[in-house]
């Protein structure tokens, strides 16, 4: 089945270079009208320039597509609202949002200034919040929307020196999980990509041969699926160097302690059983955890709920 976006309008943040540029070009090549957003700052978020975004938009138009440039700072709510108004004024709808903009300010936690922690969270988490909130009512009214969050292995699994980045990247997964529930009846699907790519964000951090294998285009192939009408919902898609995998969060069956046995010593004694992965479950809503625990307690007490 051929994936196309004819008649669809997409906003891609951080689209002036790297993975974002690849996403914007990929969407446009398959028929989407694209808002190429980029603040044009340095890797740490400092500075501002429209040159990179202008270049990508020009590249799209030269290939016969439609694109406009926007330089909004995704951490600024007013600027994001203006960006979405620009898209609506130009094309009257927004169908796809790819939250890709990001910065890095890596340092070990003991050496990291609070301002550097907050700046990274503001761009990755609040930037995703701002952009998603700005298009949410439009997508609800249309009864259609595709939203992609950009998470990271640093958030899912941890990475030394990236406490700020990892915290923000795990936070967008939590945002996705709730938006899936709130958007489903309106035809809005929300997914996340965990990319591994050689870009200016990762340049100098790995062997050049590995860097060359981790092309942005390999990640974009997965993102284009998450933007499609055929997109799944609530998927964390890992993508890199031609590899594609899904990430899941499971909870073990665990143990139950009676009221008089609920002590830290008994929890310690039960750690092996708590960590036993046989019978683990993947929950899709928070209350399922409570139901599991209450159900076990009720059965132990002979209570029928």
C-alpha atoms as a PDB file:
ATOM      1  CA  UNK A   1       0.000   0.000   0.000  1.00  0.00           C
ATOM      2  CA  UNK A   2       1.482   3.335  -1.079  1.00  0.00           C
ATOM      3  CA  UNK A   3       1.634   5.936   1.685  1.00  0.00           C
ATOM      4  CA  UNK A   4       0.735   9.446   0.532  1.00  0.00           C
ATOM      5  CA  UNK A   5      -0.196  12.748   2.194  1.00  0.00           C
ATOM      6  CA  UNK A   6      -1.924  14.533  -0.658  1.00  0.00           C
ATOM      7  CA  UNK A   7      -4.153  17.307   0.698  1.00  0.00           C
ATOM      8  CA  UNK A   8      -2.572  17.027   4.144  1.00  0.00           C
ATOM      9  CA  UNK A   9      -0.766  19.823   5.993  1.00  0.00           C
ATOM     10  CA  UNK A  10       2.201  18.988   8.211  1.00  0.00           C
ATOM     11  CA  UNK A  11       4.195  20.967  10.763  1.00  0.00           C
ATOM     12  CA  UNK A  12       7.697  19.684  11.468  1.00  0.00           C
ATOM     13  CA  UNK A  13       9.616  21.400  14.260  1.00  0.00           C
ATOM     14  CA  UNK A  14      13.387  21.555  14.235  1.00  0.00           C
ATOM     15  CA  UNK A  15      13.233  20.927  10.490  1.00  0.00           C
ATOM     16  CA  UNK A  16      16.180  23.057   9.417  1.00  0.00           C
ATOM     17  CA  UNK A  17      18.734  20.248   9.615  1.00  0.00           C
ATOM     18  CA  UNK A  18      19.311  16.617  10.475  1.00  0.00           C
ATOM     19  CA  UNK A  19      16.354  14.364  11.213  1.00  0.00           C
ATOM     20  CA  UNK A  20      13.803  17.195  11.056  1.00  0.00           C
ATOM     21  CA  UNK A  21      14.975  18.225   7.596  1.00  0.00           C
ATOM     22  CA  UNK A  22      14.674  14.614   6.474  1.00  0.00           C
ATOM     23  CA  UNK A  23      11.129  14.380   7.882  1.00  0.00           C
ATOM     24  CA  UNK A  24      10.057  17.589   6.128  1.00  0.00           C
ATOM     25  CA  UNK A  25      11.502  16.500   2.785  1.00  0.00           C
ATOM     26  CA  UNK A  26       9.965  13.039   3.138  1.00  0.00           C
ATOM     27  CA  UNK A  27       6.494  14.367   3.886  1.00  0.00           C
ATOM     28  CA  UNK A  28       6.663  16.877   1.040  1.00  0.00           C
ATOM     29  CA  UNK A  29       7.879  14.261  -1.452  1.00  0.00           C
ATOM     30  CA  UNK A  30       4.721  12.285  -0.740  1.00  0.00           C
ATOM     31  CA  UNK A  31       2.357  15.189  -1.221  1.00  0.00           C
ATOM     32  CA  UNK A  32       2.121  17.031   2.094  1.00  0.00           C
ATOM     33  CA  UNK A  33       2.203  20.799   2.409  1.00  0.00           C
ATOM     34  CA  UNK A  34       4.855  21.471   5.038  1.00  0.00           C
ATOM     35  CA  UNK A  35       5.527  24.160   7.616  1.00  0.00           C
ATOM     36  CA  UNK A  36       9.304  24.012   8.044  1.00  0.00           C
ATOM     37  CA  UNK A  37       9.884  25.242  11.586  1.00  0.00           C
ATOM     38  CA  UNK A  38      13.324  25.936  12.979  1.00  0.00           C
ATOM     39  CA  UNK A  39      14.642  28.480  15.441  1.00  0.00           C
ATOM     40  CA  UNK A  40      18.007  28.245  13.745  1.00  0.00           C
ATOM     41  CA  UNK A  41      19.997  28.193  16.956  1.00  0.00           C
ATOM     42  CA  UNK A  42      23.114  26.293  17.952  1.00  0.00           C
ATOM     43  CA  UNK A  43      23.029  22.798  19.419  1.00  0.00           C
ATOM     44  CA  UNK A  44      22.620  24.245  22.920  1.00  0.00           C
ATOM     45  CA  UNK A  45      19.714  26.443  21.796  1.00  0.00           C
ATOM     46  CA  UNK A  46      21.607  29.736  21.651  1.00  0.00           C
ATOM     47  CA  UNK A  47      21.260  32.084  18.690  1.00  0.00           C
ATOM     48  CA  UNK A  48      18.594  32.428  16.061  1.00  0.00           C
ATOM     49  CA  UNK A  49      18.519  32.351  12.238  1.00  0.00           C
ATOM     50  CA  UNK A  50      15.982  31.553   9.517  1.00  0.00           C
ATOM     51  CA  UNK A  51      18.609  30.461   6.987  1.00  0.00           C
ATOM     52  CA  UNK A  52      18.377  26.707   7.604  1.00  0.00           C
ATOM     53  CA  UNK A  53      14.575  26.552   7.502  1.00  0.00           C
ATOM     54  CA  UNK A  54      14.473  28.803   4.436  1.00  0.00           C
ATOM     55  CA  UNK A  55      16.874  26.459   2.668  1.00  0.00           C
ATOM     56  CA  UNK A  56      14.747  23.376   3.384  1.00  0.00           C
ATOM     57  CA  UNK A  57      11.542  25.127   2.281  1.00  0.00           C
ATOM     58  CA  UNK A  58      13.269  26.257  -0.914  1.00  0.00           C
ATOM     59  CA  UNK A  59      14.406  22.697  -1.541  1.00  0.00           C
ATOM     60  CA  UNK A  60      10.828  21.459  -1.202  1.00  0.00           C
ATOM     61  CA  UNK A  61       9.479  24.114  -3.558  1.00  0.00           C
ATOM     62  CA  UNK A  62      12.244  23.438  -6.093  1.00  0.00           C
ATOM     63  CA  UNK A  63      11.093  19.809  -6.183  1.00  0.00           C
ATOM     64  CA  UNK A  64       7.512  20.921  -6.929  1.00  0.00           C
ATOM     65  CA  UNK A  65       6.139  20.806  -3.379  1.00  0.00           C
ATOM     66  CA  UNK A  66       4.561  23.410  -1.124  1.00  0.00           C
ATOM     67  CA  UNK A  67       6.318  24.726   1.966  1.00  0.00           C
ATOM     68  CA  UNK A  68       6.489  27.778   4.189  1.00  0.00           C
ATOM     69  CA  UNK A  69       9.103  28.727   6.749  1.00  0.00           C
ATOM     70  CA  UNK A  70       8.524  29.486  10.410  1.00  0.00           C
ATOM     71  CA  UNK A  71      11.093  30.465  13.014  1.00  0.00           C
ATOM     72  CA  UNK A  72       9.071  29.993  16.193  1.00  0.00           C
ATOM     73  CA  UNK A  73      10.819  29.003  19.383  1.00  0.00           C
ATOM     74  CA  UNK A  74       8.757  25.992  20.462  1.00  0.00           C
ATOM     75  CA  UNK A  75       9.433  26.888  24.102  1.00  0.00           C
ATOM     76  CA  UNK A  76       7.462  30.123  23.563  1.00  0.00           C
ATOM     77  CA  UNK A  77       3.679  29.550  23.641  1.00  0.00           C
ATOM     78  CA  UNK A  78       2.816  32.779  21.826  1.00  0.00           C
ATOM     79  CA  UNK A  79       5.265  32.051  19.006  1.00  0.00           C
ATOM     80  CA  UNK A  80       3.870  28.534  18.600  1.00  0.00           C
ATOM     81  CA  UNK A  81       0.317  29.851  18.402  1.00  0.00           C
ATOM     82  CA  UNK A  82       1.414  32.288  15.695  1.00  0.00           C
ATOM     83  CA  UNK A  83       3.041  29.410  13.784  1.00  0.00           C
ATOM     84  CA  UNK A  84      -0.181  27.424  13.764  1.00  0.00           C
ATOM     85  CA  UNK A  85      -2.148  30.502  12.674  1.00  0.00           C
ATOM     86  CA  UNK A  86       0.316  30.876   9.805  1.00  0.00           C
ATOM     87  CA  UNK A  87      -0.398  27.298   8.718  1.00  0.00           C
ATOM     88  CA  UNK A  88      -4.158  27.826   8.974  1.00  0.00           C
ATOM     89  CA  UNK A  89      -4.001  31.097   7.044  1.00  0.00           C
ATOM     90  CA  UNK A  90      -1.992  29.428   4.292  1.00  0.00           C
ATOM     91  CA  UNK A  91      -3.803  26.115   3.962  1.00  0.00           C
ATOM     92  CA  UNK A  92      -6.811  26.023   6.300  1.00  0.00           C
ATOM     93  CA  UNK A  93      -5.944  22.882   8.232  1.00  0.00           C
ATOM     94  CA  UNK A  94      -3.244  20.985  10.127  1.00  0.00           C
ATOM     95  CA  UNK A  95      -3.216  17.209   9.820  1.00  0.00           C
ATOM     96  CA  UNK A  96       0.245  16.192  10.968  1.00  0.00           C
ATOM     97  CA  UNK A  97       2.541  17.439  13.714  1.00  0.00           C
ATOM     98  CA  UNK A  98       6.053  16.076  14.176  1.00  0.00           C
ATOM     99  CA  UNK A  99       7.528  17.303  17.465  1.00  0.00           C
ATOM    100  CA  UNK A 100      11.212  17.073  16.605  1.00  0.00           C
ATOM    101  CA  UNK A 101      12.853  20.289  17.859  1.00  0.00           C
ATOM    102  CA  UNK A 102      15.506  19.775  20.480  1.00  0.00           C
ATOM    103  CA  UNK A 103      18.677  21.036  22.125  1.00  0.00           C
ATOM    104  CA  UNK A 104      21.467  19.450  24.136  1.00  0.00           C
ATOM    105  CA  UNK A 105      23.202  20.731  27.265  1.00  0.00           C
ATOM    106  CA  UNK A 106      24.983  17.619  28.496  1.00  0.00           C
ATOM    107  CA  UNK A 107      26.717  17.467  31.861  1.00  0.00           C
ATOM    108  CA  UNK A 108      26.750  15.076  34.765  1.00  0.00           C
ATOM    109  CA  UNK A 109      23.952  15.840  37.218  1.00  0.00           C
ATOM    110  CA  UNK A 110      26.321  17.097  39.917  1.00  0.00           C
ATOM    111  CA  UNK A 111      27.784  19.667  37.508  1.00  0.00           C
ATOM    112  CA  UNK A 112      24.601  20.689  35.694  1.00  0.00           C
ATOM    113  CA  UNK A 113      23.173  24.123  36.337  1.00  0.00           C
ATOM    114  CA  UNK A 114      19.439  24.229  37.006  1.00  0.00           C
ATOM    115  CA  UNK A 115      19.079  26.704  34.134  1.00  0.00           C
ATOM    116  CA  UNK A 116      20.500  24.085  31.745  1.00  0.00           C
ATOM    117  CA  UNK A 117      18.108  21.452  33.059  1.00  0.00           C
ATOM    118  CA  UNK A 118      15.143  23.766  32.659  1.00  0.00           C
ATOM    119  CA  UNK A 119      16.154  24.925  29.169  1.00  0.00           C
ATOM    120  CA  UNK A 120      16.274  21.372  27.824  1.00  0.00           C
ATOM    121  CA  UNK A 121      12.945  20.448  29.431  1.00  0.00           C
ATOM    122  CA  UNK A 122      11.392  23.656  28.069  1.00  0.00           C
ATOM    123  CA  UNK A 123      12.310  22.766  24.495  1.00  0.00           C
ATOM    124  CA  UNK A 124      11.740  19.004  24.437  1.00  0.00           C
ATOM    125  CA  UNK A 125       8.788  18.656  26.796  1.00  0.00           C
ATOM    126  CA  UNK A 126       7.103  22.051  26.863  1.00  0.00           C
ATOM    127  CA  UNK A 127       7.854  22.547  23.170  1.00  0.00           C
ATOM    128  CA  UNK A 128       5.931  19.351  22.455  1.00  0.00           C
ATOM    129  CA  UNK A 129       3.159  20.470  24.807  1.00  0.00           C
ATOM    130  CA  UNK A 130       2.891  23.897  23.160  1.00  0.00           C
ATOM    131  CA  UNK A 131       2.822  22.594  19.595  1.00  0.00           C
ATOM    132  CA  UNK A 132       0.408  19.783  20.379  1.00  0.00           C
ATOM    133  CA  UNK A 133      -1.951  22.032  22.336  1.00  0.00           C
ATOM    134  CA  UNK A 134      -1.917  24.601  19.522  1.00  0.00           C
ATOM    135  CA  UNK A 135      -3.120  22.041  16.937  1.00  0.00           C
ATOM    136  CA  UNK A 136      -5.282  19.894  19.218  1.00  0.00           C
ATOM    137  CA  UNK A 137      -8.606  21.688  18.778  1.00  0.00           C
ATOM    138  CA  UNK A 138      -8.025  21.960  15.024  1.00  0.00           C
ATOM    139  CA  UNK A 139      -7.522  18.211  14.799  1.00  0.00           C
ATOM    140  CA  UNK A 140     -10.514  17.500  17.023  1.00  0.00           C
ATOM    141  CA  UNK A 141     -12.731  19.636  14.793  1.00  0.00           C
ATOM    142  CA  UNK A 142     -11.369  17.910  11.683  1.00  0.00           C
ATOM    143  CA  UNK A 143     -11.832  14.486  13.314  1.00  0.00           C
ATOM    144  CA  UNK A 144      -8.338  13.692  12.089  1.00  0.00           C
ATOM    145  CA  UNK A 145      -4.779  14.142  13.294  1.00  0.00           C
ATOM    146  CA  UNK A 146      -1.427  12.435  13.435  1.00  0.00           C
ATOM    147  CA  UNK A 147       1.034  13.525  16.132  1.00  0.00           C
ATOM    148  CA  UNK A 148       4.560  12.212  16.559  1.00  0.00           C
ATOM    149  CA  UNK A 149       6.552  12.756  19.744  1.00  0.00           C
ATOM    150  CA  UNK A 150      10.320  12.332  19.650  1.00  0.00           C
ATOM    151  CA  UNK A 151      11.548  10.324  22.610  1.00  0.00           C
ATOM    152  CA  UNK A 152      15.030   8.838  22.989  1.00  0.00           C
ATOM    153  CA  UNK A 153      16.927   5.826  24.261  1.00  0.00           C
ATOM    154  CA  UNK A 154      18.390   8.313  26.768  1.00  0.00           C
ATOM    155  CA  UNK A 155      14.943   8.707  28.290  1.00  0.00           C
ATOM    156  CA  UNK A 156      13.820   5.104  27.904  1.00  0.00           C
ATOM    157  CA  UNK A 157      17.021   3.548  29.226  1.00  0.00           C
ATOM    158  CA  UNK A 158      19.238   6.349  30.563  1.00  0.00           C
ATOM    159  CA  UNK A 159      22.503   7.872  29.369  1.00  0.00           C
ATOM    160  CA  UNK A 160      25.325   9.329  31.455  1.00  0.00           C
ATOM    161  CA  UNK A 161      25.392  13.118  31.423  1.00  0.00           C
ATOM    162  CA  UNK A 162      21.878  13.513  30.047  1.00  0.00           C
ATOM    163  CA  UNK A 163      19.663  13.806  33.105  1.00  0.00           C
ATOM    164  CA  UNK A 164      17.876  16.831  31.635  1.00  0.00           C
ATOM    165  CA  UNK A 165      17.498  15.340  28.166  1.00  0.00           C
ATOM    166  CA  UNK A 166      16.489  11.898  29.467  1.00  0.00           C
ATOM    167  CA  UNK A 167      13.880  13.340  31.838  1.00  0.00           C
ATOM    168  CA  UNK A 168      12.296  15.378  29.049  1.00  0.00           C
ATOM    169  CA  UNK A 169      12.374  12.491  26.592  1.00  0.00           C
ATOM    170  CA  UNK A 170      10.638  10.120  28.998  1.00  0.00           C
ATOM    171  CA  UNK A 171       8.105  12.822  29.833  1.00  0.00           C
ATOM    172  CA  UNK A 172       6.870  13.008  26.242  1.00  0.00           C
ATOM    173  CA  UNK A 173       6.041   9.294  26.439  1.00  0.00           C
ATOM    174  CA  UNK A 174       3.784  10.038  29.391  1.00  0.00           C
ATOM    175  CA  UNK A 175       2.197  12.861  27.405  1.00  0.00           C
ATOM    176  CA  UNK A 176       1.642  10.501  24.477  1.00  0.00           C
ATOM    177  CA  UNK A 177       0.011   7.849  26.668  1.00  0.00           C
ATOM    178  CA  UNK A 178      -2.640  10.275  27.913  1.00  0.00           C
ATOM    179  CA  UNK A 179      -3.241  12.022  24.576  1.00  0.00           C
ATOM    180  CA  UNK A 180      -3.888   8.642  22.942  1.00  0.00           C
ATOM    181  CA  UNK A 181      -6.845   8.181  25.275  1.00  0.00           C
ATOM    182  CA  UNK A 182      -8.153  11.725  24.869  1.00  0.00           C
ATOM    183  CA  UNK A 183      -7.735  11.875  21.102  1.00  0.00           C
ATOM    184  CA  UNK A 184      -8.857   8.473  19.933  1.00  0.00           C
ATOM    185  CA  UNK A 185     -12.548   9.257  19.509  1.00  0.00           C
ATOM    186  CA  UNK A 186     -11.623  12.323  17.442  1.00  0.00           C
ATOM    187  CA  UNK A 187      -9.528  10.392  14.961  1.00  0.00           C
ATOM    188  CA  UNK A 188      -6.256  11.640  16.468  1.00  0.00           C
ATOM    189  CA  UNK A 189      -3.451   9.101  16.742  1.00  0.00           C
ATOM    190  CA  UNK A 190      -0.375   9.837  18.827  1.00  0.00           C
ATOM    191  CA  UNK A 191       2.874   7.897  18.631  1.00  0.00           C
ATOM    192  CA  UNK A 192       6.539   8.354  19.499  1.00  0.00           C
ATOM    193  CA  UNK A 193       9.781   7.686  17.690  1.00  0.00           C
ATOM    194  CA  UNK A 194      13.050   6.877  19.444  1.00  0.00           C
ATOM    195  CA  UNK A 195      15.615   7.759  16.765  1.00  0.00           C
ATOM    196  CA  UNK A 196      19.225   6.743  16.430  1.00  0.00           C
ATOM    197  CA  UNK A 197      20.783   8.979  13.802  1.00  0.00           C
ATOM    198  CA  UNK A 198      24.005  10.692  12.892  1.00  0.00           C
ATOM    199  CA  UNK A 199      23.248  14.411  13.108  1.00  0.00           C
ATOM    200  CA  UNK A 200      24.850  17.519  14.607  1.00  0.00           C
ATOM    201  CA  UNK A 201      23.272  16.449  17.924  1.00  0.00           C
ATOM    202  CA  UNK A 202      25.381  13.253  17.921  1.00  0.00           C
ATOM    203  CA  UNK A 203      28.367  14.335  15.834  1.00  0.00           C
ATOM    204  CA  UNK A 204      31.679  13.533  17.508  1.00  0.00           C
ATOM    205  CA  UNK A 205      30.061  11.136  19.985  1.00  0.00           C
ATOM    206  CA  UNK A 206      30.635   7.917  18.022  1.00  0.00           C
ATOM    207  CA  UNK A 207      32.881   6.213  15.484  1.00  0.00           C
ATOM    208  CA  UNK A 208      32.561   7.819  12.039  1.00  0.00           C
ATOM    209  CA  UNK A 209      31.666   4.490  10.415  1.00  0.00           C
ATOM    210  CA  UNK A 210      28.755   4.044  12.812  1.00  0.00           C
ATOM    211  CA  UNK A 211      27.781   7.692  12.323  1.00  0.00           C
ATOM    212  CA  UNK A 212      27.573   7.130   8.563  1.00  0.00           C
ATOM    213  CA  UNK A 213      25.257   4.129   8.972  1.00  0.00           C
ATOM    214  CA  UNK A 214      22.842   6.089  11.155  1.00  0.00           C
ATOM    215  CA  UNK A 215      21.228   8.154   8.402  1.00  0.00           C
ATOM    216  CA  UNK A 216      18.344  10.525   9.169  1.00  0.00           C
ATOM    217  CA  UNK A 217      16.446   9.012   6.232  1.00  0.00           C
ATOM    218  CA  UNK A 218      16.327   5.643   7.987  1.00  0.00           C
ATOM    219  CA  UNK A 219      14.508   7.265  10.906  1.00  0.00           C
ATOM    220  CA  UNK A 220      12.209   9.190   8.576  1.00  0.00           C
ATOM    221  CA  UNK A 221      10.919   5.967   7.011  1.00  0.00           C
ATOM    222  CA  UNK A 222       9.447   5.055  10.393  1.00  0.00           C
ATOM    223  CA  UNK A 223       8.169   8.549  11.103  1.00  0.00           C
ATOM    224  CA  UNK A 224       6.368   8.635   7.758  1.00  0.00           C
ATOM    225  CA  UNK A 225       4.425   5.567   8.860  1.00  0.00           C
ATOM    226  CA  UNK A 226       3.489   7.265  12.137  1.00  0.00           C
ATOM    227  CA  UNK A 227       2.212  10.249  10.110  1.00  0.00           C
ATOM    228  CA  UNK A 228       0.111   8.136   7.726  1.00  0.00           C
ATOM    229  CA  UNK A 229      -3.589   7.368   7.722  1.00  0.00           C
ATOM    230  CA  UNK A 230      -2.549   3.770   8.427  1.00  0.00           C
ATOM    231  CA  UNK A 231      -0.567   4.805  11.507  1.00  0.00           C
ATOM    232  CA  UNK A 232      -0.784   2.722  14.678  1.00  0.00           C
ATOM    233  CA  UNK A 233      -1.724   4.383  17.964  1.00  0.00           C
ATOM    234  CA  UNK A 234       0.346   4.562  21.170  1.00  0.00           C
ATOM    235  CA  UNK A 235       3.445   3.053  19.603  1.00  0.00           C
ATOM    236  CA  UNK A 236       7.021   3.801  20.618  1.00  0.00           C
ATOM    237  CA  UNK A 237       8.950   3.042  17.442  1.00  0.00           C
ATOM    238  CA  UNK A 238      12.719   2.756  17.667  1.00  0.00           C
ATOM    239  CA  UNK A 239      14.486   3.448  14.385  1.00  0.00           C
ATOM    240  CA  UNK A 240      18.106   3.593  13.295  1.00  0.00           C
ATOM    241  CA  UNK A 241      20.488   2.350  10.582  1.00  0.00           C
ATOM    242  CA  UNK A 242      17.642   0.472   8.895  1.00  0.00           C
ATOM    243  CA  UNK A 243      16.502  -1.229  12.092  1.00  0.00           C
ATOM    244  CA  UNK A 244      12.937  -0.810  13.401  1.00  0.00           C
ATOM    245  CA  UNK A 245      11.618  -2.091  16.735  1.00  0.00           C
ATOM    246  CA  UNK A 246       8.908  -1.308  19.258  1.00  0.00           C
ATOM    247  CA  UNK A 247       9.352  -0.410  22.921  1.00  0.00           C
ATOM    248  CA  UNK A 248       6.930  -1.549  25.622  1.00  0.00           C
ATOM    249  CA  UNK A 249       6.531  -0.945  29.352  1.00  0.00           C
ATOM    250  CA  UNK A 250       5.419  -3.952  31.387  1.00  0.00           C
ATOM    251  CA  UNK A 251       4.435  -4.525  35.017  1.00  0.00           C
ATOM    252  CA  UNK A 252       5.047  -7.797  36.808  1.00  0.00           C
ATOM    253  CA  UNK A 253       2.301  -9.670  38.614  1.00  0.00           C
ATOM    254  CA  UNK A 254       4.149  -8.965  41.856  1.00  0.00           C
ATOM    255  CA  UNK A 255       3.096 -10.067  45.325  1.00  0.00           C
ATOM    256  CA  UNK A 256       0.321  -9.260  47.788  1.00  0.00           C
ATOM    257  CA  UNK A 257       0.901  -8.619  51.489  1.00  0.00           C
ATOM    258  CA  UNK A 258      -1.938  -8.664  54.017  1.00  0.00           C
ATOM    259  CA  UNK A 259      -2.450  -5.486  56.091  1.00  0.00           C
ATOM    260  CA  UNK A 260      -0.466  -6.795  59.031  1.00  0.00           C
ATOM    261  CA  UNK A 261       2.384  -7.935  56.752  1.00  0.00           C
ATOM    262  CA  UNK A 262       2.918  -4.668  54.867  1.00  0.00           C
ATOM    263  CA  UNK A 263       6.383  -3.852  56.164  1.00  0.00           C
ATOM    264  CA  UNK A 264       9.567  -2.859  54.310  1.00  0.00           C
ATOM    265  CA  UNK A 265      11.184  -6.083  55.568  1.00  0.00           C
ATOM    266  CA  UNK A 266       8.510  -8.202  53.878  1.00  0.00           C
ATOM    267  CA  UNK A 267       8.769  -6.151  50.682  1.00  0.00           C
ATOM    268  CA  UNK A 268      12.523  -6.810  50.750  1.00  0.00           C
ATOM    269  CA  UNK A 269      11.938 -10.516  51.316  1.00  0.00           C
ATOM    270  CA  UNK A 270       9.596 -10.579  48.345  1.00  0.00           C
ATOM    271  CA  UNK A 271      11.880  -8.778  45.884  1.00  0.00           C
ATOM    272  CA  UNK A 272      12.623 -11.900  43.846  1.00  0.00           C
ATOM    273  CA  UNK A 273       8.906 -12.574  43.394  1.00  0.00           C
ATOM    274  CA  UNK A 274       8.226  -8.896  42.705  1.00  0.00           C
ATOM    275  CA  UNK A 275      10.794  -8.965  39.908  1.00  0.00           C
ATOM    276  CA  UNK A 276       9.618 -12.311  38.477  1.00  0.00           C
ATOM    277  CA  UNK A 277       8.552 -11.449  34.933  1.00  0.00           C
ATOM    278  CA  UNK A 278       6.271 -14.441  34.435  1.00  0.00           C
ATOM    279  CA  UNK A 279       2.734 -13.178  33.965  1.00  0.00           C
ATOM    280  CA  UNK A 280       3.792  -9.567  33.415  1.00  0.00           C
ATOM    281  CA  UNK A 281       1.250  -7.285  31.709  1.00  0.00           C
ATOM    282  CA  UNK A 282       1.324  -4.254  29.452  1.00  0.00           C
ATOM    283  CA  UNK A 283      -1.175  -1.689  30.720  1.00  0.00           C
ATOM    284  CA  UNK A 284      -2.706   0.944  28.454  1.00  0.00           C
ATOM    285  CA  UNK A 285      -4.411   3.021  31.152  1.00  0.00           C
ATOM    286  CA  UNK A 286      -3.235   4.029  34.606  1.00  0.00           C
ATOM    287  CA  UNK A 287      -6.241   2.681  36.489  1.00  0.00           C
ATOM    288  CA  UNK A 288      -5.402  -0.871  35.373  1.00  0.00           C
ATOM    289  CA  UNK A 289      -2.566  -0.895  37.899  1.00  0.00           C
ATOM    290  CA  UNK A 290      -4.960   0.029  40.702  1.00  0.00           C
ATOM    291  CA  UNK A 291      -7.439  -2.619  39.562  1.00  0.00           C
ATOM    292  CA  UNK A 292      -4.704  -5.254  39.675  1.00  0.00           C
ATOM    293  CA  UNK A 293      -3.678  -4.377  43.235  1.00  0.00           C
ATOM    294  CA  UNK A 294      -7.223  -3.963  44.551  1.00  0.00           C
ATOM    295  CA  UNK A 295      -8.270  -7.226  42.920  1.00  0.00           C
ATOM    296  CA  UNK A 296      -5.450  -9.122  44.595  1.00  0.00           C
ATOM    297  CA  UNK A 297      -6.262  -7.565  47.966  1.00  0.00           C
ATOM    298  CA  UNK A 298      -9.953  -8.358  47.616  1.00  0.00           C
ATOM    299  CA  UNK A 299      -9.260 -11.986  46.725  1.00  0.00           C
ATOM    300  CA  UNK A 300      -6.968 -12.365  49.713  1.00  0.00           C
ATOM    301  CA  UNK A 301      -9.674 -11.035  52.000  1.00  0.00           C
ATOM    302  CA  UNK A 302     -12.477 -12.982  50.345  1.00  0.00           C
ATOM    303  CA  UNK A 303     -14.203  -9.779  49.255  1.00  0.00           C
ATOM    304  CA  UNK A 304     -16.240  -9.779  46.048  1.00  0.00           C
ATOM    305  CA  UNK A 305     -16.051  -6.419  44.246  1.00  0.00           C
END
